[in-house]
C-alpha atoms as a PDB file:
ATOM      1  CA  MET A   1      22.792 -23.711  40.666  1.00  0.00           C
ATOM      2  CA  LYS A   2      24.546 -26.349  38.123  1.00  0.00           C
ATOM      3  CA  ASP A   3      24.968 -28.966  40.946  1.00  0.00           C
ATOM      4  CA  GLN A   4      21.367 -28.565  42.296  1.00  0.00           C
ATOM      5  CA  ARG A   5      20.423 -29.582  38.681  1.00  0.00           C
ATOM      6  CA  LYS A   6      23.004 -32.406  38.427  1.00  0.00           C
ATOM      7  CA  LEU A   7      24.619 -31.268  34.877  1.00  0.00           C
ATOM      8  CA  THR A   8      27.376 -31.831  33.606  1.00  0.00           C
ATOM      9  CA  ASN A   9      29.621 -29.091  31.884  1.00  0.00           C
ATOM     10  CA  GLN A  10      28.880 -30.497  28.265  1.00  0.00           C
ATOM     11  CA  GLN A  11      25.401 -30.593  29.106  1.00  0.00           C
ATOM     12  CA  LEU A  12      25.111 -27.163  30.464  1.00  0.00           C
ATOM     13  CA  ALA A  13      26.925 -25.957  27.228  1.00  0.00           C
ATOM     14  CA  ASP A  14      24.759 -27.941  24.922  1.00  0.00           C
ATOM     15  CA  LEU A  15      21.549 -26.292  26.610  1.00  0.00           C
ATOM     16  CA  ALA A  16      22.684 -22.771  26.814  1.00  0.00           C
ATOM     17  CA  GLY A  17      24.567 -22.572  23.537  1.00  0.00           C
ATOM     18  CA  ILE A  18      27.818 -22.077  24.804  1.00  0.00           C
ATOM     19  CA  PRO A  19      31.260 -23.657  23.859  1.00  0.00           C
ATOM     20  CA  VAL A  20      32.089 -26.025  26.834  1.00  0.00           C
ATOM     21  CA  GLY A  21      35.493 -24.300  26.989  1.00  0.00           C
ATOM     22  CA  THR A  22      33.961 -21.258  28.064  1.00  0.00           C
ATOM     23  CA  ILE A  23      31.756 -23.206  30.474  1.00  0.00           C
ATOM     24  CA  ASN A  24      34.756 -24.882  31.492  1.00  0.00           C
ATOM     25  CA  ARG A  25      36.927 -21.684  32.245  1.00  0.00           C
ATOM     26  CA  ILE A  26      33.719 -19.670  34.030  1.00  0.00           C
ATOM     27  CA  MET A  27      33.364 -23.069  36.559  1.00  0.00           C
ATOM     28  CA  ALA A  28      36.954 -23.201  37.191  1.00  0.00           C
ATOM     29  CA  GLY A  29      36.954 -19.624  37.911  1.00  0.00           C
ATOM     30  CA  GLN A  30      39.844 -18.907  35.147  1.00  0.00           C
ATOM     31  CA  THR A  31      37.296 -16.094  33.678  1.00  0.00           C
ATOM     32  CA  ASP A  32      37.304 -13.061  35.721  1.00  0.00           C
ATOM     33  CA  ASN A  33      34.696 -11.314  33.833  1.00  0.00           C
ATOM     34  CA  PRO A  34      32.231 -13.284  31.522  1.00  0.00           C
ATOM     35  CA  SER A  35      29.941 -11.593  29.437  1.00  0.00           C
ATOM     36  CA  PHE A  36      26.583 -10.537  30.838  1.00  0.00           C
ATOM     37  CA  GLN A  37      24.571 -12.502  27.724  1.00  0.00           C
ATOM     38  CA  THR A  38      27.002 -15.516  28.551  1.00  0.00           C
ATOM     39  CA  VAL A  39      25.928 -15.419  32.460  1.00  0.00           C
ATOM     40  CA  CYS A  40      22.491 -14.814  31.978  1.00  0.00           C
ATOM     41  CA  ASP A  41      22.211 -17.762  29.265  1.00  0.00           C
ATOM     42  CA  ILE A  42      23.360 -19.698  31.832  1.00  0.00           C
ATOM     43  CA  VAL A  43      21.381 -18.831  34.589  1.00  0.00           C
ATOM     44  CA  MET A  44      18.015 -18.875  32.141  1.00  0.00           C
ATOM     45  CA  VAL A  45      18.788 -22.943  31.222  1.00  0.00           C
ATOM     46  CA  LEU A  46      19.350 -23.632  34.998  1.00  0.00           C
ATOM     47  CA  ASP A  47      15.909 -21.811  35.618  1.00  0.00           C
ATOM     48  CA  GLY A  48      17.382 -19.226  38.297  1.00  0.00           C
ATOM     49  CA  SER A  49      17.540 -15.627  38.537  1.00  0.00           C
ATOM     50  CA  LEU A  50      20.537 -13.230  38.537  1.00  0.00           C
ATOM     51  CA  ASP A  51      19.425 -12.110  42.310  1.00  0.00           C
ATOM     52  CA  GLU A  52      19.837 -15.972  43.386  1.00  0.00           C
ATOM     53  CA  LEU A  53      23.078 -15.742  41.159  1.00  0.00           C
ATOM     54  CA  VAL A  54      24.424 -13.006  43.095  1.00  0.00           C
ATOM     55  CA  GLY A  55      23.189 -13.709  46.949  1.00  0.00           C
ATOM     56  CA  ILE A  56      19.827 -11.375  46.876  1.00  0.00           C
ATOM     57  CA  THR A  57      17.205 -12.726  49.126  1.00  0.00           C
ATOM     58  CA  GLY A  58      13.806 -12.640  48.346  1.00  0.00           C
ATOM     59  CA  LYS A  59      11.297 -14.807  46.578  1.00  0.00           C
ATOM     60  CA  ARG A  60      11.855 -14.881  42.679  1.00  0.00           C
ATOM     61  CA  GLY A  61       9.998 -12.524  40.509  1.00  0.00           C
ATOM     62  CA  GLN A  62       8.875 -10.503  43.656  1.00  0.00           C
ATOM     63  CA  ARG A  63      10.072  -7.366  45.080  1.00  0.00           C
ATOM     64  CA  SER A  64      10.932  -7.075  48.886  1.00  0.00           C
ATOM     65  CA  ALA A  65       8.896  -4.486  50.884  1.00  0.00           C
ATOM     66  CA  PRO A  66      10.412  -0.873  51.253  1.00  0.00           C
ATOM     67  CA  PRO A  67      12.220  -0.631  54.668  1.00  0.00           C
ATOM     68  CA  VAL A  68       9.679   0.665  57.029  1.00  0.00           C
ATOM     69  CA  SER A  69      12.166   4.332  57.396  1.00  0.00           C
ATOM     70  CA  VAL A  70      10.831   4.621  53.467  1.00  0.00           C
ATOM     71  CA  LEU A  71       7.019   4.110  53.959  1.00  0.00           C
ATOM     72  CA  LEU A  72       7.641   6.337  57.359  1.00  0.00           C
ATOM     73  CA  CYS A  73       8.960   9.174  55.486  1.00  0.00           C
ATOM     74  CA  ALA A  74       6.405   8.843  52.547  1.00  0.00           C
ATOM     75  CA  ALA A  75       3.564   8.914  55.399  1.00  0.00           C
ATOM     76  CA  LEU A  76       4.791  11.840  56.903  1.00  0.00           C
ATOM     77  CA  PHE A  77       5.356  13.746  53.550  1.00  0.00           C
ATOM     78  CA  VAL A  78       1.557  13.211  52.839  1.00  0.00           C
ATOM     79  CA  LEU A  79       0.574  14.265  56.225  1.00  0.00           C
ATOM     80  CA  GLY A  80       2.548  17.274  55.813  1.00  0.00           C
ATOM     81  CA  VAL A  81       0.900  17.960  52.434  1.00  0.00           C
ATOM     82  CA  LEU A  82      -2.497  17.731  54.236  1.00  0.00           C
ATOM     83  CA  ILE A  83      -1.681  20.029  56.914  1.00  0.00           C
ATOM     84  CA  TYR A  84      -0.559  22.854  54.821  1.00  0.00           C
ATOM     85  CA  ASP A  85      -2.971  22.500  52.373  1.00  0.00           C
ATOM     86  CA  LEU A  86      -5.756  22.533  55.361  1.00  0.00           C
ATOM     87  CA  THR A  87      -3.932  25.795  57.021  1.00  0.00           C
ATOM     88  CA  HIS A  88      -3.658  27.497  53.523  1.00  0.00           C
ATOM     89  CA  PRO A  89      -7.095  28.456  52.078  1.00  0.00           C
ATOM     90  CA  MET A  90      -5.398  29.645  49.078  1.00  0.00           C
ATOM     91  CA  VAL A  91      -3.823  26.080  48.361  1.00  0.00           C
ATOM     92  CA  VAL A  92      -6.272  23.146  47.371  1.00  0.00           C
ATOM     93  CA  PHE A  93      -4.670  19.946  47.050  1.00  0.00           C
ATOM     94  CA  PHE A  94      -6.912  17.777  48.598  1.00  0.00           C
ATOM     95  CA  ARG A  95      -9.990  20.040  48.963  1.00  0.00           C
ATOM     96  CA  GLN A  96     -12.451  21.127  46.331  1.00  0.00           C
END
């Protein structure tokens, strides 16, 4: 993301409010576990998303559609409840 925006480490540090030494260590891979806040500050300055940073695909700000198996299970559950409701007169889920 930094390369796409054509920013230097110093520019990124200034925009994010993070010491340039911290940016240098992160970009050089010398920091094994930067703080979540530091990563968020960097990503926000770069107008990116954490999903993009870790390689989760999909449009930014949108959830991906649930898998077909989840939709099928939900539909079968609703159908099962409906059938149970229709075959048991004392149970009233859908009828009034």
